Amino acid sequence: MITTKRNYVFDFDSTLTRVEALDVLAEITLKNNPKKEEIIQEIIDITNLGIDGEISFTESLERRIKLLNANKAHLTKLVSDLKMQVSSSIERNKEFFQTYADDIYVFPVDLRNL
């Protein structure tokens, strides 16, 4: 009998977590920044450029992350916060994710937009 190996692909934001990671990172990095709202609007504008195909996903992501000026301490907090925002469907299917962990691939972008 031939066994077929299956792979499972998931979008990270709003699939594995209930939030968008970049939004959470923005809240962390811009917490005390007096230009917080201005920077968030610029991030939204850059996101829309990417969605509209005017810039690549890579350029969009790089430009948005640069605006946040994140460091390792921010990333530690981000991971901690995201662990508290795991989607309920992931929690309900924890056994599946543990069983097939080696066959699961997670992407930071909705693949339908590529």
N, C-alpha and C. Protein backbone atom coordinates (compact mmCIF):
# COMPACT_ATOMS: atom_id res chain seq x y z
N MET A 1 0.84 -1.18 0.00
CA MET A 1 0.00 0.00 0.00
C MET A 1 0.89 1.25 0.00
N ILE A 2 0.56 2.18 -0.87
CA ILE A 2 1.31 3.42 -0.96
C ILE A 2 0.72 4.43 0.01
N THR A 3 1.60 5.04 0.77
CA THR A 3 1.17 6.07 1.72
C THR A 3 1.44 7.43 1.12
N THR A 4 0.46 8.30 1.17
CA THR A 4 0.61 9.64 0.65
C THR A 4 0.88 10.60 1.81
N LYS A 5 1.95 11.34 1.71
CA LYS A 5 2.27 12.33 2.75
C LYS A 5 1.46 13.58 2.46
N ARG A 6 0.81 14.08 3.47
CA ARG A 6 0.02 15.30 3.33
C ARG A 6 0.71 16.44 4.04
N ASN A 7 0.56 17.61 3.45
CA ASN A 7 1.06 18.82 4.09
C ASN A 7 -0.14 19.73 4.33
N TYR A 8 -0.07 20.51 5.39
CA TYR A 8 -1.15 21.43 5.75
C TYR A 8 -0.57 22.83 5.79
N VAL A 9 -1.23 23.76 5.14
CA VAL A 9 -0.74 25.13 5.04
C VAL A 9 -1.76 26.06 5.67
N PHE A 10 -1.28 26.94 6.54
CA PHE A 10 -2.15 27.89 7.22
C PHE A 10 -1.58 29.30 7.12
N ASP A 11 -2.50 30.25 7.03
CA ASP A 11 -2.16 31.66 7.16
C ASP A 11 -2.05 31.93 8.66
N PHE A 12 -1.10 32.72 9.08
CA PHE A 12 -0.89 32.98 10.50
C PHE A 12 -1.94 33.92 11.08
N ASP A 13 -1.99 35.13 10.56
CA ASP A 13 -2.85 36.17 11.12
C ASP A 13 -4.32 35.86 10.93
N SER A 14 -5.06 35.98 12.00
CA SER A 14 -6.52 35.77 12.01
C SER A 14 -6.93 34.36 11.63
N THR A 15 -5.98 33.45 11.56
CA THR A 15 -6.29 32.03 11.36
C THR A 15 -5.78 31.26 12.57
N LEU A 16 -4.48 31.34 12.79
CA LEU A 16 -3.93 30.69 13.97
C LEU A 16 -4.11 31.55 15.22
N THR A 17 -4.19 32.84 15.02
CA THR A 17 -4.44 33.76 16.13
C THR A 17 -5.70 34.56 15.82
N ARG A 18 -6.27 35.15 16.86
CA ARG A 18 -7.50 35.95 16.70
C ARG A 18 -7.18 37.39 16.30
N VAL A 19 -5.92 37.69 16.12
CA VAL A 19 -5.48 39.06 15.85
C VAL A 19 -4.48 39.08 14.71
N GLU A 20 -4.18 40.28 14.23
CA GLU A 20 -3.11 40.47 13.25
C GLU A 20 -1.84 40.79 14.04
N ALA A 21 -0.79 40.02 13.83
CA ALA A 21 0.44 40.18 14.60
C ALA A 21 1.04 41.58 14.44
N LEU A 22 0.98 42.13 13.25
CA LEU A 22 1.55 43.46 13.02
C LEU A 22 0.80 44.53 13.82
N ASP A 23 -0.52 44.36 13.97
CA ASP A 23 -1.30 45.29 14.79
C ASP A 23 -0.88 45.23 16.25
N VAL A 24 -0.67 44.01 16.74
CA VAL A 24 -0.23 43.84 18.13
C VAL A 24 1.16 44.43 18.31
N LEU A 25 2.06 44.18 17.35
CA LEU A 25 3.40 44.73 17.42
C LEU A 25 3.36 46.26 17.40
N ALA A 26 2.47 46.83 16.61
CA ALA A 26 2.34 48.30 16.57
C ALA A 26 1.91 48.83 17.93
N GLU A 27 0.97 48.18 18.56
CA GLU A 27 0.53 48.61 19.90
C GLU A 27 1.68 48.56 20.90
N ILE A 28 2.51 47.53 20.79
CA ILE A 28 3.64 47.38 21.71
C ILE A 28 4.70 48.45 21.45
N THR A 29 5.12 48.58 20.20
CA THR A 29 6.25 49.47 19.88
C THR A 29 5.88 50.95 19.93
N LEU A 30 4.62 51.26 19.68
CA LEU A 30 4.21 52.66 19.62
C LEU A 30 3.49 53.13 20.89
N LYS A 31 3.52 52.32 21.92
CA LYS A 31 2.77 52.57 23.14
C LYS A 31 2.88 54.00 23.65
N ASN A 32 4.07 54.51 23.75
CA ASN A 32 4.29 55.86 24.30
C ASN A 32 4.73 56.87 23.24
N ASN A 33 4.55 56.53 21.99
CA ASN A 33 4.99 57.40 20.90
C ASN A 33 3.93 58.47 20.63
N PRO A 34 4.29 59.75 20.72
CA PRO A 34 3.31 60.81 20.47
C PRO A 34 2.78 60.83 19.03
N LYS A 35 3.49 60.17 18.11
CA LYS A 35 3.06 60.11 16.71
C LYS A 35 2.39 58.78 16.38
N LYS A 36 1.93 58.09 17.39
CA LYS A 36 1.34 56.76 17.23
C LYS A 36 0.27 56.73 16.14
N GLU A 37 -0.72 57.61 16.21
CA GLU A 37 -1.83 57.58 15.26
C GLU A 37 -1.35 57.87 13.83
N GLU A 38 -0.40 58.79 13.70
CA GLU A 38 0.16 59.12 12.38
C GLU A 38 0.89 57.92 11.79
N ILE A 39 1.66 57.23 12.61
CA ILE A 39 2.42 56.07 12.14
C ILE A 39 1.47 54.93 11.78
N ILE A 40 0.45 54.72 12.60
CA ILE A 40 -0.52 53.67 12.30
C ILE A 40 -1.23 53.95 10.97
N GLN A 41 -1.56 55.21 10.72
CA GLN A 41 -2.19 55.56 9.44
C GLN A 41 -1.25 55.28 8.28
N GLU A 42 0.03 55.58 8.46
CA GLU A 42 1.01 55.30 7.41
C GLU A 42 1.12 53.80 7.17
N ILE A 43 1.05 53.01 8.23
CA ILE A 43 1.08 51.55 8.10
C ILE A 43 -0.13 51.07 7.31
N ILE A 44 -1.29 51.63 7.62
CA ILE A 44 -2.52 51.28 6.89
C ILE A 44 -2.38 51.64 5.41
N ASP A 45 -1.83 52.81 5.14
CA ASP A 45 -1.64 53.24 3.75
C ASP A 45 -0.70 52.30 2.99
N ILE A 46 0.38 51.89 3.64
CA ILE A 46 1.33 50.97 3.01
C ILE A 46 0.67 49.62 2.79
N THR A 47 -0.09 49.16 3.77
CA THR A 47 -0.81 47.89 3.63
C THR A 47 -1.72 47.93 2.41
N ASN A 48 -2.43 49.03 2.24
CA ASN A 48 -3.33 49.17 1.10
C ASN A 48 -2.59 49.19 -0.23
N LEU A 49 -1.39 49.78 -0.24
CA LEU A 49 -0.59 49.76 -1.46
C LEU A 49 -0.26 48.32 -1.85
N GLY A 50 0.06 47.52 -0.85
CA GLY A 50 0.35 46.11 -1.11
C GLY A 50 -0.88 45.35 -1.58
N ILE A 51 -2.01 45.60 -0.92
CA ILE A 51 -3.26 44.93 -1.30
C ILE A 51 -3.64 45.28 -2.73
N ASP A 52 -3.43 46.53 -3.10
CA ASP A 52 -3.77 46.99 -4.46
C ASP A 52 -2.74 46.59 -5.51
N GLY A 53 -1.66 45.95 -5.07
CA GLY A 53 -0.64 45.49 -6.01
C GLY A 53 0.31 46.57 -6.47
N GLU A 54 0.31 47.72 -5.83
CA GLU A 54 1.19 48.82 -6.24
C GLU A 54 2.61 48.61 -5.73
N ILE A 55 2.76 47.84 -4.65
CA ILE A 55 4.08 47.44 -4.16
C ILE A 55 4.00 45.96 -3.80
N SER A 56 5.15 45.31 -3.72
CA SER A 56 5.18 43.88 -3.40
C SER A 56 4.88 43.65 -1.93
N PHE A 57 4.50 42.42 -1.61
CA PHE A 57 4.29 42.07 -0.21
C PHE A 57 5.56 42.31 0.60
N THR A 58 6.70 41.92 0.04
CA THR A 58 7.98 42.09 0.74
C THR A 58 8.25 43.55 1.05
N GLU A 59 8.07 44.42 0.05
CA GLU A 59 8.30 45.84 0.27
C GLU A 59 7.31 46.39 1.31
N SER A 60 6.07 45.97 1.21
CA SER A 60 5.06 46.42 2.16
C SER A 60 5.44 46.03 3.58
N LEU A 61 5.81 44.78 3.76
CA LEU A 61 6.18 44.30 5.10
C LEU A 61 7.42 45.02 5.62
N GLU A 62 8.44 45.15 4.79
CA GLU A 62 9.67 45.83 5.21
C GLU A 62 9.40 47.28 5.62
N ARG A 63 8.60 47.99 4.84
CA ARG A 63 8.30 49.39 5.14
C ARG A 63 7.51 49.52 6.43
N ARG A 64 6.55 48.63 6.65
CA ARG A 64 5.73 48.69 7.86
C ARG A 64 6.55 48.37 9.10
N ILE A 65 7.38 47.35 9.01
CA ILE A 65 8.21 46.97 10.17
C ILE A 65 9.20 48.07 10.50
N LYS A 66 9.78 48.69 9.47
CA LYS A 66 10.72 49.79 9.69
C LYS A 66 10.06 50.93 10.47
N LEU A 67 8.80 51.23 10.17
CA LEU A 67 8.08 52.29 10.88
C LEU A 67 7.91 51.97 12.37
N LEU A 68 7.85 50.69 12.68
CA LEU A 68 7.63 50.28 14.08
C LEU A 68 8.90 50.35 14.91
N ASN A 69 10.06 50.27 14.27
CA ASN A 69 11.33 50.33 14.98
C ASN A 69 11.37 49.30 16.12
N ALA A 70 10.97 48.08 15.82
CA ALA A 70 10.89 47.02 16.82
C ALA A 70 12.28 46.49 17.18
N ASN A 71 12.40 45.99 18.40
CA ASN A 71 13.63 45.35 18.85
C ASN A 71 13.30 44.00 19.49
N LYS A 72 14.31 43.28 19.96
CA LYS A 72 14.09 41.94 20.50
C LYS A 72 13.14 41.94 21.70
N ALA A 73 13.21 42.95 22.52
CA ALA A 73 12.30 43.02 23.68
C ALA A 73 10.85 43.12 23.21
N HIS A 74 10.62 43.87 22.15
CA HIS A 74 9.28 43.97 21.60
C HIS A 74 8.80 42.61 21.08
N LEU A 75 9.69 41.88 20.45
CA LEU A 75 9.32 40.58 19.89
C LEU A 75 8.99 39.58 20.98
N THR A 76 9.71 39.65 22.10
CA THR A 76 9.42 38.78 23.23
C THR A 76 8.01 39.05 23.75
N LYS A 77 7.67 40.32 23.87
CA LYS A 77 6.33 40.71 24.31
C LYS A 77 5.29 40.29 23.27
N LEU A 78 5.60 40.44 21.99
CA LEU A 78 4.69 40.05 20.92
C LEU A 78 4.36 38.56 21.02
N VAL A 79 5.38 37.73 21.16
CA VAL A 79 5.16 36.28 21.26
C VAL A 79 4.28 35.97 22.46
N SER A 80 4.58 36.59 23.58
CA SER A 80 3.79 36.39 24.79
C SER A 80 2.32 36.78 24.57
N ASP A 81 2.11 37.94 23.95
CA ASP A 81 0.74 38.40 23.69
C ASP A 81 0.02 37.50 22.69
N LEU A 82 0.72 37.06 21.65
CA LEU A 82 0.08 36.20 20.65
C LEU A 82 -0.30 34.84 21.22
N LYS A 83 0.48 34.34 22.17
CA LYS A 83 0.14 33.07 22.81
C LYS A 83 -1.20 33.16 23.54
N MET A 84 -1.56 34.35 23.94
CA MET A 84 -2.83 34.56 24.64
C MET A 84 -3.98 34.77 23.65
N GLN A 85 -3.68 34.84 22.36
CA GLN A 85 -4.67 35.13 21.33
C GLN A 85 -4.81 34.00 20.31
N VAL A 86 -4.50 32.78 20.72
CA VAL A 86 -4.63 31.64 19.82
C VAL A 86 -6.11 31.47 19.49
N SER A 87 -6.40 31.22 18.23
CA SER A 87 -7.80 31.10 17.82
C SER A 87 -8.45 29.89 18.48
N SER A 88 -9.74 30.01 18.72
CA SER A 88 -10.47 28.94 19.42
C SER A 88 -10.46 27.65 18.60
N SER A 89 -10.46 27.75 17.27
CA SER A 89 -10.43 26.53 16.46
C SER A 89 -9.10 25.80 16.61
N ILE A 90 -8.04 26.54 16.81
CA ILE A 90 -6.73 25.91 17.02
C ILE A 90 -6.73 25.20 18.38
N GLU A 91 -7.26 25.86 19.38
CA GLU A 91 -7.33 25.25 20.71
C GLU A 91 -8.18 23.98 20.68
N ARG A 92 -9.31 24.03 19.95
CA ARG A 92 -10.19 22.85 19.85
C ARG A 92 -9.51 21.69 19.12
N ASN A 93 -8.59 22.00 18.22
CA ASN A 93 -7.93 20.98 17.41
C ASN A 93 -6.46 20.79 17.78
N LYS A 94 -6.14 21.03 19.02
CA LYS A 94 -4.75 20.95 19.50
C LYS A 94 -4.12 19.59 19.18
N GLU A 95 -4.87 18.52 19.35
CA GLU A 95 -4.35 17.18 19.09
C GLU A 95 -3.91 17.03 17.63
N PHE A 96 -4.70 17.55 16.69
CA PHE A 96 -4.34 17.51 15.27
C PHE A 96 -3.01 18.22 15.05
N PHE A 97 -2.85 19.41 15.61
CA PHE A 97 -1.63 20.19 15.41
C PHE A 97 -0.41 19.50 16.03
N GLN A 98 -0.62 18.83 17.14
CA GLN A 98 0.48 18.09 17.75
C GLN A 98 0.83 16.85 16.92
N THR A 99 -0.19 16.15 16.45
CA THR A 99 0.03 14.93 15.67
C THR A 99 0.73 15.22 14.34
N TYR A 100 0.32 16.30 13.67
CA TYR A 100 0.84 16.60 12.33
C TYR A 100 1.82 17.78 12.31
N ALA A 101 2.42 18.08 13.43
CA ALA A 101 3.31 19.24 13.54
C ALA A 101 4.39 19.27 12.46
N ASP A 102 4.93 18.13 12.10
CA ASP A 102 6.00 18.09 11.08
C ASP A 102 5.47 18.31 9.66
N ASP A 103 4.16 18.26 9.49
CA ASP A 103 3.56 18.40 8.17
C ASP A 103 2.84 19.74 8.00
N ILE A 104 2.96 20.61 8.98
CA ILE A 104 2.24 21.88 8.97
C ILE A 104 3.19 23.02 8.60
N TYR A 105 2.73 23.85 7.68
CA TYR A 105 3.49 25.02 7.27
C TYR A 105 2.63 26.26 7.53
N VAL A 106 3.25 27.26 8.10
CA VAL A 106 2.53 28.50 8.43
C VAL A 106 3.16 29.64 7.65
N PHE A 107 2.32 30.42 6.98
CA PHE A 107 2.78 31.56 6.20
C PHE A 107 2.27 32.85 6.82
N PRO A 108 3.08 33.91 6.75
CA PRO A 108 2.67 35.19 7.34
C PRO A 108 1.79 36.03 6.42
N VAL A 109 1.23 35.40 5.41
CA VAL A 109 0.45 36.14 4.41
C VAL A 109 -0.63 35.22 3.87
N ASP A 110 -1.78 35.79 3.56
CA ASP A 110 -2.84 35.04 2.94
C ASP A 110 -2.39 34.66 1.53
N LEU A 111 -2.22 33.38 1.27
CA LEU A 111 -1.66 32.92 -0.01
C LEU A 111 -2.56 33.26 -1.19
N ARG A 112 -3.84 33.52 -0.95
CA ARG A 112 -4.73 33.88 -2.05
C ARG A 112 -4.33 35.23 -2.65
N ASN A 113 -3.56 36.05 -1.89
CA ASN A 113 -3.18 37.37 -2.39
C ASN A 113 -1.86 37.37 -3.13
N LEU A 114 -1.24 36.22 -3.26
CA LEU A 114 0.07 36.16 -3.96
C LEU A 114 -0.12 36.04 -5.44
